[in-house]
Amino acid sequence: GIAIDTLEEKGCLRNQAPVVVPAVQKLPVIVWYNQVCPDDKGNLVIY
């Protein structure tokens, strides 16, 4: 959490070298084209 806390504290820095932080838990990412999804209240919405 220190890495993200530092990011929030410093904000945008011009010409700051990128900082690479390995993900301890490599979360799956699914990008899909699904027109029917629930909204934040659980109601189905057709997009």
ModelCIF file with pLDDT and N, C-alpha, C, O atoms, coordinates in Angstrom:
data_MODEL
#
_entry.id   MODEL 
#
_entity.id                         1 
_entity.type                       polymer 
_entity.pdbx_number_of_molecules   1 
#
_entity_poly.entity_id                      1 
_entity_poly.type                           'polypeptide(L)' 
_entity_poly.nstd_linkage                   no 
_entity_poly.nstd_monomer                   no 
_entity_poly.pdbx_seq_one_letter_code       GIAIDTLEEKGCLRNQAPVVVPAVQKLPVIVWYNQVCPDDKGNLVIY 
_entity_poly.pdbx_seq_one_letter_code_can   GIAIDTLEEKGCLRNQAPVVVPAVQKLPVIVWYNQVCPDDKGNLVIY 
_entity_poly.pdbx_strand_id                 A 
#
loop_
_entity_poly_seq.entity_id 
_entity_poly_seq.num 
_entity_poly_seq.mon_id 
_entity_poly_seq.hetero 
1 1  GLY n 
1 2  ILE n 
1 3  ALA n 
1 4  ILE n 
1 5  ASP n 
1 6  THR n 
1 7  LEU n 
1 8  GLU n 
1 9  GLU n 
1 10 LYS n 
1 11 GLY n 
1 12 CYS n 
1 13 LEU n 
1 14 ARG n 
1 15 ASN n 
1 16 GLN n 
1 17 ALA n 
1 18 PRO n 
1 19 VAL n 
1 20 VAL n 
1 21 VAL n 
1 22 PRO n 
1 23 ALA n 
1 24 VAL n 
1 25 GLN n 
1 26 LYS n 
1 27 LEU n 
1 28 PRO n 
1 29 VAL n 
1 30 ILE n 
1 31 VAL n 
1 32 TRP n 
1 33 TYR n 
1 34 ASN n 
1 35 GLN n 
1 36 VAL n 
1 37 CYS n 
1 38 PRO n 
1 39 ASP n 
1 40 ASP n 
1 41 LYS n 
1 42 GLY n 
1 43 ASN n 
1 44 LEU n 
1 45 VAL n 
1 46 ILE n 
1 47 TYR n 
#
_struct_asym.id          A 
_struct_asym.entity_id   1 
#
loop_
_ma_qa_metric.id 
_ma_qa_metric.mode 
_ma_qa_metric.name 
_ma_qa_metric.software_group_id 
_ma_qa_metric.type 
1 global pLDDT . pLDDT 
2 local  pLDDT . pLDDT 
#
_ma_qa_metric_global.metric_id      1 
_ma_qa_metric_global.metric_value   84.21 
_ma_qa_metric_global.model_id       1 
_ma_qa_metric_global.ordinal_id     1 
#
loop_
_ma_qa_metric_local.label_asym_id 
_ma_qa_metric_local.label_comp_id 
_ma_qa_metric_local.label_seq_id 
_ma_qa_metric_local.metric_id 
_ma_qa_metric_local.metric_value 
_ma_qa_metric_local.model_id 
_ma_qa_metric_local.ordinal_id 
A GLY 1  2 72.00 1 1  
A ILE 2  2 76.00 1 2  
A ALA 3  2 76.00 1 3  
A ILE 4  2 79.00 1 4  
A ASP 5  2 78.00 1 5  
A THR 6  2 76.00 1 6  
A LEU 7  2 76.00 1 7  
A GLU 8  2 72.00 1 8  
A GLU 9  2 75.00 1 9  
A LYS 10 2 77.00 1 10 
A GLY 11 2 71.00 1 11 
A CYS 12 2 75.00 1 12 
A LEU 13 2 75.00 1 13 
A ARG 14 2 74.00 1 14 
A ASN 15 2 75.00 1 15 
A GLN 16 2 82.00 1 16 
A ALA 17 2 85.00 1 17 
A PRO 18 2 89.00 1 18 
A VAL 19 2 89.00 1 19 
A VAL 20 2 92.00 1 20 
A VAL 21 2 92.00 1 21 
A PRO 22 2 92.00 1 22 
A ALA 23 2 90.00 1 23 
A VAL 24 2 81.00 1 24 
A GLN 25 2 82.00 1 25 
A LYS 26 2 90.00 1 26 
A LEU 27 2 93.00 1 27 
A PRO 28 2 94.00 1 28 
A VAL 29 2 96.00 1 29 
A ILE 30 2 96.00 1 30 
A VAL 31 2 97.00 1 31 
A TRP 32 2 95.00 1 32 
A TYR 33 2 96.00 1 33 
A ASN 34 2 90.00 1 34 
A GLN 35 2 91.00 1 35 
A VAL 36 2 89.00 1 36 
A CYS 37 2 83.00 1 37 
A PRO 38 2 79.00 1 38 
A ASP 39 2 79.00 1 39 
A ASP 40 2 74.00 1 40 
A LYS 41 2 80.00 1 41 
A GLY 42 2 79.00 1 42 
A ASN 43 2 88.00 1 43 
A LEU 44 2 90.00 1 44 
A VAL 45 2 92.00 1 45 
A ILE 46 2 93.00 1 46 
A TYR 47 2 93.00 1 47 
#
loop_
_atom_site.group_PDB 
_atom_site.id 
_atom_site.type_symbol 
_atom_site.label_atom_id 
_atom_site.label_alt_id 
_atom_site.label_comp_id 
_atom_site.label_asym_id 
_atom_site.label_entity_id 
_atom_site.label_seq_id 
_atom_site.pdbx_PDB_ins_code 
_atom_site.Cartn_x 
_atom_site.Cartn_y 
_atom_site.Cartn_z 
_atom_site.occupancy 
_atom_site.B_iso_or_equiv 
_atom_site.pdbx_formal_charge 
_atom_site.auth_seq_id 
_atom_site.auth_comp_id 
_atom_site.auth_asym_id 
_atom_site.auth_atom_id 
_atom_site.pdbx_PDB_model_num 
ATOM 1   N N  . GLY A 1 1  ? 0.796   -1.222  0.000   1.00 72.00 ? 1  GLY A N  1 
ATOM 2   C CA . GLY A 1 1  ? 0.000   0.000   0.000   1.00 72.00 ? 1  GLY A CA 1 
ATOM 3   C C  . GLY A 1 1  ? 0.823   1.264   0.000   1.00 72.00 ? 1  GLY A C  1 
ATOM 4   O O  . GLY A 1 1  ? 0.331   2.327   -0.377  1.00 72.00 ? 1  GLY A O  1 
ATOM 5   N N  . ILE A 1 2  ? 2.090   1.162   0.425   1.00 76.00 ? 2  ILE A N  1 
ATOM 6   C CA . ILE A 1 2  ? 2.946   2.348   0.478   1.00 76.00 ? 2  ILE A CA 1 
ATOM 7   C C  . ILE A 1 2  ? 3.110   2.952   -0.909  1.00 76.00 ? 2  ILE A C  1 
ATOM 8   O O  . ILE A 1 2  ? 3.154   4.174   -1.050  1.00 76.00 ? 2  ILE A O  1 
ATOM 9   N N  . ALA A 1 3  ? 3.201   2.111   -1.933  1.00 76.00 ? 3  ALA A N  1 
ATOM 10  C CA . ALA A 1 3  ? 3.401   2.612   -3.301  1.00 76.00 ? 3  ALA A CA 1 
ATOM 11  C C  . ALA A 1 3  ? 2.227   3.479   -3.728  1.00 76.00 ? 3  ALA A C  1 
ATOM 12  O O  . ALA A 1 3  ? 2.420   4.560   -4.285  1.00 76.00 ? 3  ALA A O  1 
ATOM 13  N N  . ILE A 1 4  ? 1.004   3.005   -3.468  1.00 79.00 ? 4  ILE A N  1 
ATOM 14  C CA . ILE A 1 4  ? -0.179  3.771   -3.854  1.00 79.00 ? 4  ILE A CA 1 
ATOM 15  C C  . ILE A 1 4  ? -0.350  4.995   -2.966  1.00 79.00 ? 4  ILE A C  1 
ATOM 16  O O  . ILE A 1 4  ? -0.743  6.059   -3.444  1.00 79.00 ? 4  ILE A O  1 
ATOM 17  N N  . ASP A 1 5  ? -0.056  4.851   -1.668  1.00 78.00 ? 5  ASP A N  1 
ATOM 18  C CA . ASP A 1 5  ? -0.149  6.002   -0.760  1.00 78.00 ? 5  ASP A CA 1 
ATOM 19  C C  . ASP A 1 5  ? 0.797   7.109   -1.205  1.00 78.00 ? 5  ASP A C  1 
ATOM 20  O O  . ASP A 1 5  ? 0.443   8.288   -1.176  1.00 78.00 ? 5  ASP A O  1 
ATOM 21  N N  . THR A 1 6  ? 1.996   6.725   -1.616  1.00 76.00 ? 6  THR A N  1 
ATOM 22  C CA . THR A 1 6  ? 2.983   7.710   -2.085  1.00 76.00 ? 6  THR A CA 1 
ATOM 23  C C  . THR A 1 6  ? 2.499   8.387   -3.350  1.00 76.00 ? 6  THR A C  1 
ATOM 24  O O  . THR A 1 6  ? 2.680   9.592   -3.529  1.00 76.00 ? 6  THR A O  1 
ATOM 25  N N  . LEU A 1 7  ? 1.877   7.600   -4.238  1.00 76.00 ? 7  LEU A N  1 
ATOM 26  C CA . LEU A 1 7  ? 1.332   8.159   -5.476  1.00 76.00 ? 7  LEU A CA 1 
ATOM 27  C C  . LEU A 1 7  ? 0.275   9.216   -5.166  1.00 76.00 ? 7  LEU A C  1 
ATOM 28  O O  . LEU A 1 7  ? 0.280   10.298  -5.752  1.00 76.00 ? 7  LEU A O  1 
ATOM 29  N N  . GLU A 1 8  ? -0.633  8.895   -4.242  1.00 72.00 ? 8  GLU A N  1 
ATOM 30  C CA . GLU A 1 8  ? -1.691  9.846   -3.867  1.00 72.00 ? 8  GLU A CA 1 
ATOM 31  C C  . GLU A 1 8  ? -1.095  11.096  -3.223  1.00 72.00 ? 8  GLU A C  1 
ATOM 32  O O  . GLU A 1 8  ? -1.574  12.206  -3.454  1.00 72.00 ? 8  GLU A O  1 
ATOM 33  N N  . GLU A 1 9  ? -0.060  10.915  -2.424  1.00 75.00 ? 9  GLU A N  1 
ATOM 34  C CA . GLU A 1 9  ? 0.535   12.042  -1.706  1.00 75.00 ? 9  GLU A CA 1 
ATOM 35  C C  . GLU A 1 9  ? 1.260   12.996  -2.650  1.00 75.00 ? 9  GLU A C  1 
ATOM 36  O O  . GLU A 1 9  ? 1.135   14.215  -2.529  1.00 75.00 ? 9  GLU A O  1 
ATOM 37  N N  . LYS A 1 10 ? 2.032   12.426  -3.605  1.00 77.00 ? 10 LYS A N  1 
ATOM 38  C CA . LYS A 1 10 ? 2.850   13.250  -4.489  1.00 77.00 ? 10 LYS A CA 1 
ATOM 39  C C  . LYS A 1 10 ? 2.070   13.779  -5.684  1.00 77.00 ? 10 LYS A C  1 
ATOM 40  O O  . LYS A 1 10 ? 2.394   14.841  -6.215  1.00 77.00 ? 10 LYS A O  1 
ATOM 41  N N  . GLY A 1 11 ? 1.033   13.040  -6.117  1.00 71.00 ? 11 GLY A N  1 
ATOM 42  C CA . GLY A 1 11 ? 0.272   13.475  -7.281  1.00 71.00 ? 11 GLY A CA 1 
ATOM 43  C C  . GLY A 1 11 ? 1.111   13.382  -8.545  1.00 71.00 ? 11 GLY A C  1 
ATOM 44  O O  . GLY A 1 11 ? 2.037   12.576  -8.626  1.00 71.00 ? 11 GLY A O  1 
ATOM 45  N N  . CYS A 1 12 ? 0.784   14.208  -9.529  1.00 75.00 ? 12 CYS A N  1 
ATOM 46  C CA . CYS A 1 12 ? 1.500   14.124  -10.804 1.00 75.00 ? 12 CYS A CA 1 
ATOM 47  C C  . CYS A 1 12 ? 2.853   14.826  -10.699 1.00 75.00 ? 12 CYS A C  1 
ATOM 48  O O  . CYS A 1 12 ? 2.954   15.962  -10.238 1.00 75.00 ? 12 CYS A O  1 
ATOM 49  N N  . LEU A 1 13 ? 3.876   14.121  -11.136 1.00 75.00 ? 13 LEU A N  1 
ATOM 50  C CA . LEU A 1 13 ? 5.239   14.642  -11.130 1.00 75.00 ? 13 LEU A CA 1 
ATOM 51  C C  . LEU A 1 13 ? 5.751   14.659  -12.561 1.00 75.00 ? 13 LEU A C  1 
ATOM 52  O O  . LEU A 1 13 ? 5.708   13.637  -13.247 1.00 75.00 ? 13 LEU A O  1 
ATOM 53  N N  . ARG A 1 14 ? 6.228   15.790  -13.011 1.00 74.00 ? 14 ARG A N  1 
ATOM 54  C CA . ARG A 1 14 ? 6.717   15.894  -14.387 1.00 74.00 ? 14 ARG A CA 1 
ATOM 55  C C  . ARG A 1 14 ? 8.080   15.222  -14.516 1.00 74.00 ? 14 ARG A C  1 
ATOM 56  O O  . ARG A 1 14 ? 8.976   15.440  -13.701 1.00 74.00 ? 14 ARG A O  1 
ATOM 57  N N  . ASN A 1 15 ? 8.216   14.407  -15.548 1.00 75.00 ? 15 ASN A N  1 
ATOM 58  C CA . ASN A 1 15 ? 9.464   13.712  -15.862 1.00 75.00 ? 15 ASN A CA 1 
ATOM 59  C C  . ASN A 1 15 ? 9.922   12.775  -14.747 1.00 75.00 ? 15 ASN A C  1 
ATOM 60  O O  . ASN A 1 15 ? 11.118  12.539  -14.579 1.00 75.00 ? 15 ASN A O  1 
ATOM 61  N N  . GLN A 1 16 ? 8.973   12.247  -13.994 1.00 82.00 ? 16 GLN A N  1 
ATOM 62  C CA . GLN A 1 16 ? 9.266   11.206  -13.019 1.00 82.00 ? 16 GLN A CA 1 
ATOM 63  C C  . GLN A 1 16 ? 9.455   9.876   -13.753 1.00 82.00 ? 16 GLN A C  1 
ATOM 64  O O  . GLN A 1 16 ? 8.643   9.522   -14.608 1.00 82.00 ? 16 GLN A O  1 
ATOM 65  N N  . ALA A 1 17 ? 10.505  9.150   -13.429 1.00 85.00 ? 17 ALA A N  1 
ATOM 66  C CA . ALA A 1 17 ? 10.721  7.845   -14.068 1.00 85.00 ? 17 ALA A CA 1 
ATOM 67  C C  . ALA A 1 17 ? 9.624   6.882   -13.632 1.00 85.00 ? 17 ALA A C  1 
ATOM 68  O O  . ALA A 1 17 ? 9.229   6.892   -12.466 1.00 85.00 ? 17 ALA A O  1 
ATOM 69  N N  . PRO A 1 18 ? 9.121   6.046   -14.551 1.00 89.00 ? 18 PRO A N  1 
ATOM 70  C CA . PRO A 1 18 ? 8.085   5.075   -14.179 1.00 89.00 ? 18 PRO A CA 1 
ATOM 71  C C  . PRO A 1 18 ? 8.550   4.143   -13.062 1.00 89.00 ? 18 PRO A C  1 
ATOM 72  O O  . PRO A 1 18 ? 9.723   3.779   -12.979 1.00 89.00 ? 18 PRO A O  1 
ATOM 73  N N  . VAL A 1 19 ? 7.605   3.770   -12.212 1.00 89.00 ? 19 VAL A N  1 
ATOM 74  C CA . VAL A 1 19 ? 7.867   2.839   -11.114 1.00 89.00 ? 19 VAL A CA 1 
ATOM 75  C C  . VAL A 1 19 ? 7.041   1.587   -11.370 1.00 89.00 ? 19 VAL A C  1 
ATOM 76  O O  . VAL A 1 19 ? 5.813   1.655   -11.428 1.00 89.00 ? 19 VAL A O  1 
ATOM 77  N N  . VAL A 1 20 ? 7.698   0.452   -11.524 1.00 92.00 ? 20 VAL A N  1 
ATOM 78  C CA . VAL A 1 20 ? 7.018   -0.805  -11.820 1.00 92.00 ? 20 VAL A CA 1 
ATOM 79  C C  . VAL A 1 20 ? 6.889   -1.611  -10.533 1.00 92.00 ? 20 VAL A C  1 
ATOM 80  O O  . VAL A 1 20 ? 7.888   -1.930  -9.888  1.00 92.00 ? 20 VAL A O  1 
ATOM 81  N N  . VAL A 1 21 ? 5.644   -1.939  -10.162 1.00 92.00 ? 21 VAL A N  1 
ATOM 82  C CA . VAL A 1 21 ? 5.383   -2.708  -8.944  1.00 92.00 ? 21 VAL A CA 1 
ATOM 83  C C  . VAL A 1 21 ? 4.741   -4.029  -9.347  1.00 92.00 ? 21 VAL A C  1 
ATOM 84  O O  . VAL A 1 21 ? 3.617   -4.025  -9.849  1.00 92.00 ? 21 VAL A O  1 
ATOM 85  N N  . PRO A 1 22 ? 5.414   -5.159  -9.145  1.00 92.00 ? 22 PRO A N  1 
ATOM 86  C CA . PRO A 1 22 ? 4.835   -6.450  -9.527  1.00 92.00 ? 22 PRO A CA 1 
ATOM 87  C C  . PRO A 1 22 ? 3.567   -6.743  -8.737  1.00 92.00 ? 22 PRO A C  1 
ATOM 88  O O  . PRO A 1 22 ? 3.463   -6.417  -7.554  1.00 92.00 ? 22 PRO A O  1 
ATOM 89  N N  . ALA A 1 23 ? 2.616   -7.357  -9.406  1.00 90.00 ? 23 ALA A N  1 
ATOM 90  C CA . ALA A 1 23 ? 1.370   -7.754  -8.745  1.00 90.00 ? 23 ALA A CA 1 
ATOM 91  C C  . ALA A 1 23 ? 1.607   -9.051  -7.991  1.00 90.00 ? 23 ALA A C  1 
ATOM 92  O O  . ALA A 1 23 ? 1.985   -10.060 -8.588  1.00 90.00 ? 23 ALA A O  1 
ATOM 93  N N  . VAL A 1 24 ? 1.387   -9.029  -6.679  1.00 81.00 ? 24 VAL A N  1 
ATOM 94  C CA . VAL A 1 24 ? 1.571   -10.242 -5.882  1.00 81.00 ? 24 VAL A CA 1 
ATOM 95  C C  . VAL A 1 24 ? 0.543   -11.291 -6.286  1.00 81.00 ? 24 VAL A C  1 
ATOM 96  O O  . VAL A 1 24 ? 0.861   -12.472 -6.424  1.00 81.00 ? 24 VAL A O  1 
ATOM 97  N N  . GLN A 1 25 ? -0.690  -10.842 -6.471  1.00 82.00 ? 25 GLN A N  1 
ATOM 98  C CA . GLN A 1 25 ? -1.768  -11.724 -6.921  1.00 82.00 ? 25 GLN A CA 1 
ATOM 99  C C  . GLN A 1 25 ? -2.185  -11.281 -8.322  1.00 82.00 ? 25 GLN A C  1 
ATOM 100 O O  . GLN A 1 25 ? -2.757  -10.204 -8.491  1.00 82.00 ? 25 GLN A O  1 
ATOM 101 N N  . LYS A 1 26 ? -1.903  -12.096 -9.307  1.00 90.00 ? 26 LYS A N  1 
ATOM 102 C CA . LYS A 1 26 ? -2.157  -11.725 -10.703 1.00 90.00 ? 26 LYS A CA 1 
ATOM 103 C C  . LYS A 1 26 ? -3.639  -11.940 -11.035 1.00 90.00 ? 26 LYS A C  1 
ATOM 104 O O  . LYS A 1 26 ? -4.053  -13.023 -11.450 1.00 90.00 ? 26 LYS A O  1 
ATOM 105 N N  . LEU A 1 27 ? -4.421  -10.875 -10.839 1.00 93.00 ? 27 LEU A N  1 
ATOM 106 C CA . LEU A 1 27 ? -5.863  -10.986 -11.009 1.00 93.00 ? 27 LEU A CA 1 
ATOM 107 C C  . LEU A 1 27 ? -6.241  -11.181 -12.476 1.00 93.00 ? 27 LEU A C  1 
ATOM 108 O O  . LEU A 1 27 ? -5.671  -10.536 -13.356 1.00 93.00 ? 27 LEU A O  1 
ATOM 109 N N  . PRO A 1 28 ? -7.200  -12.068 -12.740 1.00 94.00 ? 28 PRO A N  1 
ATOM 110 C CA . PRO A 1 28 ? -7.687  -12.217 -14.117 1.00 94.00 ? 28 PRO A CA 1 
ATOM 111 C C  . PRO A 1 28 ? -8.388  -10.946 -14.587 1.00 94.00 ? 28 PRO A C  1 
ATOM 112 O O  . PRO A 1 28 ? -9.033  -10.249 -13.803 1.00 94.00 ? 28 PRO A O  1 
ATOM 113 N N  . VAL A 1 29 ? -8.249  -10.660 -15.876 1.00 96.00 ? 29 VAL A N  1 
ATOM 114 C CA . VAL A 1 29 ? -8.948  -9.550  -16.524 1.00 96.00 ? 29 VAL A CA 1 
ATOM 115 C C  . VAL A 1 29 ? -9.790  -10.132 -17.655 1.00 96.00 ? 29 VAL A C  1 
ATOM 116 O O  . VAL A 1 29 ? -9.274  -10.844 -18.517 1.00 96.00 ? 29 VAL A O  1 
ATOM 117 N N  . ILE A 1 30 ? -11.065 -9.833  -17.649 1.00 96.00 ? 30 ILE A N  1 
ATOM 118 C CA . ILE A 1 30 ? -11.969 -10.283 -18.709 1.00 96.00 ? 30 ILE A CA 1 
ATOM 119 C C  . ILE A 1 30 ? -12.609 -9.039  -19.318 1.00 96.00 ? 30 ILE A C  1 
ATOM 120 O O  . ILE A 1 30 ? -13.283 -8.275  -18.628 1.00 96.00 ? 30 ILE A O  1 
ATOM 121 N N  . VAL A 1 31 ? -12.394 -8.849  -20.594 1.00 97.00 ? 31 VAL A N  1 
ATOM 122 C CA . VAL A 1 31 ? -13.031 -7.745  -21.323 1.00 97.00 ? 31 VAL A CA 1 
ATOM 123 C C  . VAL A 1 31 ? -14.002 -8.372  -22.303 1.00 97.00 ? 31 VAL A C  1 
ATOM 124 O O  . VAL A 1 31 ? -13.588 -9.069  -23.230 1.00 97.00 ? 31 VAL A O  1 
ATOM 125 N N  . TRP A 1 32 ? -15.279 -8.135  -22.110 1.00 95.00 ? 32 TRP A N  1 
ATOM 126 C CA . TRP A 1 32 ? -16.262 -8.768  -22.984 1.00 95.00 ? 32 TRP A CA 1 
ATOM 127 C C  . TRP A 1 32 ? -17.277 -7.762  -23.516 1.00 95.00 ? 32 TRP A C  1 
ATOM 128 O O  . TRP A 1 32 ? -17.412 -6.647  -23.013 1.00 95.00 ? 32 TRP A O  1 
ATOM 129 N N  . TYR A 1 33 ? -17.974 -8.197  -24.541 1.00 96.00 ? 33 TYR A N  1 
ATOM 130 C CA . TYR A 1 33 ? -18.987 -7.360  -25.182 1.00 96.00 ? 33 TYR A CA 1 
ATOM 131 C C  . TYR A 1 33 ? -20.341 -7.965  -24.823 1.00 96.00 ? 33 TYR A C  1 
ATOM 132 O O  . TYR A 1 33 ? -20.889 -8.798  -25.544 1.00 96.00 ? 33 TYR A O  1 
ATOM 133 N N  . ASN A 1 34 ? -20.856 -7.515  -23.686 1.00 90.00 ? 34 ASN A N  1 
ATOM 134 C CA . ASN A 1 34 ? -22.096 -8.063  -23.151 1.00 90.00 ? 34 ASN A CA 1 
ATOM 135 C C  . ASN A 1 34 ? -23.101 -6.924  -22.985 1.00 90.00 ? 34 ASN A C  1 
ATOM 136 O O  . ASN A 1 34 ? -22.929 -6.058  -22.128 1.00 90.00 ? 34 ASN A O  1 
ATOM 137 N N  . GLN A 1 35 ? -24.143 -6.929  -23.805 1.00 91.00 ? 35 GLN A N  1 
ATOM 138 C CA . GLN A 1 35 ? -25.106 -5.820  -23.761 1.00 91.00 ? 35 GLN A CA 1 
ATOM 139 C C  . GLN A 1 35 ? -26.020 -5.858  -22.555 1.00 91.00 ? 35 GLN A C  1 
ATOM 140 O O  . GLN A 1 35 ? -26.596 -4.829  -22.199 1.00 91.00 ? 35 GLN A O  1 
ATOM 141 N N  . VAL A 1 36 ? -26.174 -6.996  -21.920 1.00 89.00 ? 36 VAL A N  1 
ATOM 142 C CA . VAL A 1 36 ? -27.071 -7.123  -20.772 1.00 89.00 ? 36 VAL A CA 1 
ATOM 143 C C  . VAL A 1 36 ? -26.227 -7.282  -19.512 1.00 89.00 ? 36 VAL A C  1 
ATOM 144 O O  . VAL A 1 36 ? -25.577 -8.309  -19.314 1.00 89.00 ? 36 VAL A O  1 
ATOM 145 N N  . CYS A 1 37 ? -26.242 -6.265  -18.669 1.00 83.00 ? 37 CYS A N  1 
ATOM 146 C CA . CYS A 1 37 ? -25.436 -6.284  -17.441 1.00 83.00 ? 37 CYS A CA 1 
ATOM 147 C C  . CYS A 1 37 ? -26.258 -5.710  -16.292 1.00 83.00 ? 37 CYS A C  1 
ATOM 148 O O  . CYS A 1 37 ? -27.143 -4.887  -16.521 1.00 83.00 ? 37 CYS A O  1 
ATOM 149 N N  . PRO A 1 38 ? -25.981 -6.129  -15.067 1.00 79.00 ? 38 PRO A N  1 
ATOM 150 C CA . PRO A 1 38 ? -26.655 -5.525  -13.919 1.00 79.00 ? 38 PRO A CA 1 
ATOM 151 C C  . PRO A 1 38 ? -26.075 -4.156  -13.600 1.00 79.00 ? 38 PRO A C  1 
ATOM 152 O O  . PRO A 1 38 ? -24.881 -3.918  -13.780 1.00 79.00 ? 38 PRO A O  1 
ATOM 153 N N  . ASP A 1 39 ? -26.934 -3.255  -13.122 1.00 79.00 ? 39 ASP A N  1 
ATOM 154 C CA . ASP A 1 39 ? -26.417 -1.972  -12.650 1.00 79.00 ? 39 ASP A CA 1 
ATOM 155 C C  . ASP A 1 39 ? -26.017 -2.117  -11.189 1.00 79.00 ? 39 ASP A C  1 
ATOM 156 O O  . ASP A 1 39 ? -26.032 -3.221  -10.643 1.00 79.00 ? 39 ASP A O  1 
ATOM 157 N N  . ASP A 1 40 ? -25.657 -0.997  -10.553 1.00 74.00 ? 40 ASP A N  1 
ATOM 158 C CA . ASP A 1 40 ? -25.178 -1.064  -9.173  1.00 74.00 ? 40 ASP A CA 1 
ATOM 159 C C  . ASP A 1 40 ? -26.258 -1.511  -8.184  1.00 74.00 ? 40 ASP A C  1 
ATOM 160 O O  . ASP A 1 40 ? -25.940 -1.912  -7.064  1.00 74.00 ? 40 ASP A O  1 
ATOM 161 N N  . LYS A 1 41 ? -27.539 -1.445  -8.590  1.00 80.00 ? 41 LYS A N  1 
ATOM 162 C CA . LYS A 1 41 ? -28.634 -1.875  -7.722  1.00 80.00 ? 41 LYS A CA 1 
ATOM 163 C C  . LYS A 1 41 ? -29.091 -3.300  -8.035  1.00 80.00 ? 41 LYS A C  1 
ATOM 164 O O  . LYS A 1 41 ? -30.035 -3.807  -7.430  1.00 80.00 ? 41 LYS A O  1 
ATOM 165 N N  . GLY A 1 42 ? -28.408 -3.934  -8.987  1.00 79.00 ? 42 GLY A N  1 
ATOM 166 C CA . GLY A 1 42 ? -28.763 -5.307  -9.318  1.00 79.00 ? 42 GLY A CA 1 
ATOM 167 C C  . GLY A 1 42 ? -29.820 -5.441  -10.394 1.00 79.00 ? 42 GLY A C  1 
ATOM 168 O O  . GLY A 1 42 ? -30.225 -6.557  -10.721 1.00 79.00 ? 42 GLY A O  1 
ATOM 169 N N  . ASN A 1 43 ? -30.280 -4.320  -10.959 1.00 88.00 ? 43 ASN A N  1 
ATOM 170 C CA . ASN A 1 43 ? -31.277 -4.375  -12.027 1.00 88.00 ? 43 ASN A CA 1 
ATOM 171 C C  . ASN A 1 43 ? -30.604 -4.648  -13.360 1.00 88.00 ? 43 ASN A C  1 
ATOM 172 O O  . ASN A 1 43 ? -29.540 -4.101  -13.646 1.00 88.00 ? 43 ASN A O  1 
ATOM 173 N N  . LEU A 1 44 ? -31.224 -5.496  -14.181 1.00 90.00 ? 44 LEU A N  1 
ATOM 174 C CA . LEU A 1 44 ? -30.665 -5.770  -15.492 1.00 90.00 ? 44 LEU A CA 1 
ATOM 175 C C  . LEU A 1 44 ? -30.895 -4.581  -16.425 1.00 90.00 ? 44 LEU A C  1 
ATOM 176 O O  . LEU A 1 44 ? -31.992 -4.025  -16.478 1.00 90.00 ? 44 LEU A O  1 
ATOM 177 N N  . VAL A 1 45 ? -29.860 -4.203  -17.148 1.00 92.00 ? 45 VAL A N  1 
ATOM 178 C CA . VAL A 1 45 ? -29.919 -3.085  -18.081 1.00 92.00 ? 45 VAL A CA 1 
ATOM 179 C C  . VAL A 1 45 ? -29.449 -3.583  -19.446 1.00 92.00 ? 45 VAL A C  1 
ATOM 180 O O  . VAL A 1 45 ? -28.457 -4.306  -19.540 1.00 92.00 ? 45 VAL A O  1 
ATOM 181 N N  . ILE A 1 46 ? -30.161 -3.197  -20.496 1.00 93.00 ? 46 ILE A N  1 
ATOM 182 C CA . ILE A 1 46 ? -29.752 -3.525  -21.859 1.00 93.00 ? 46 ILE A CA 1 
ATOM 183 C C  . ILE A 1 46 ? -29.082 -2.290  -22.453 1.00 93.00 ? 46 ILE A C  1 
ATOM 184 O O  . ILE A 1 46 ? -29.712 -1.246  -22.620 1.00 93.00 ? 46 ILE A O  1 
ATOM 185 N N  . TYR A 1 47 ? -27.817 -2.424  -22.762 1.00 93.00 ? 47 TYR A N  1 
ATOM 186 C CA . TYR A 1 47 ? -27.035 -1.298  -23.255 1.00 93.00 ? 47 TYR A CA 1 
ATOM 187 C C  . TYR A 1 47 ? -27.029 -1.267  -24.787 1.00 93.00 ? 47 TYR A C  1 
ATOM 188 O O  . TYR A 1 47 ? -26.417 -0.382  -25.384 1.00 93.00 ? 47 TYR A O  1 
#
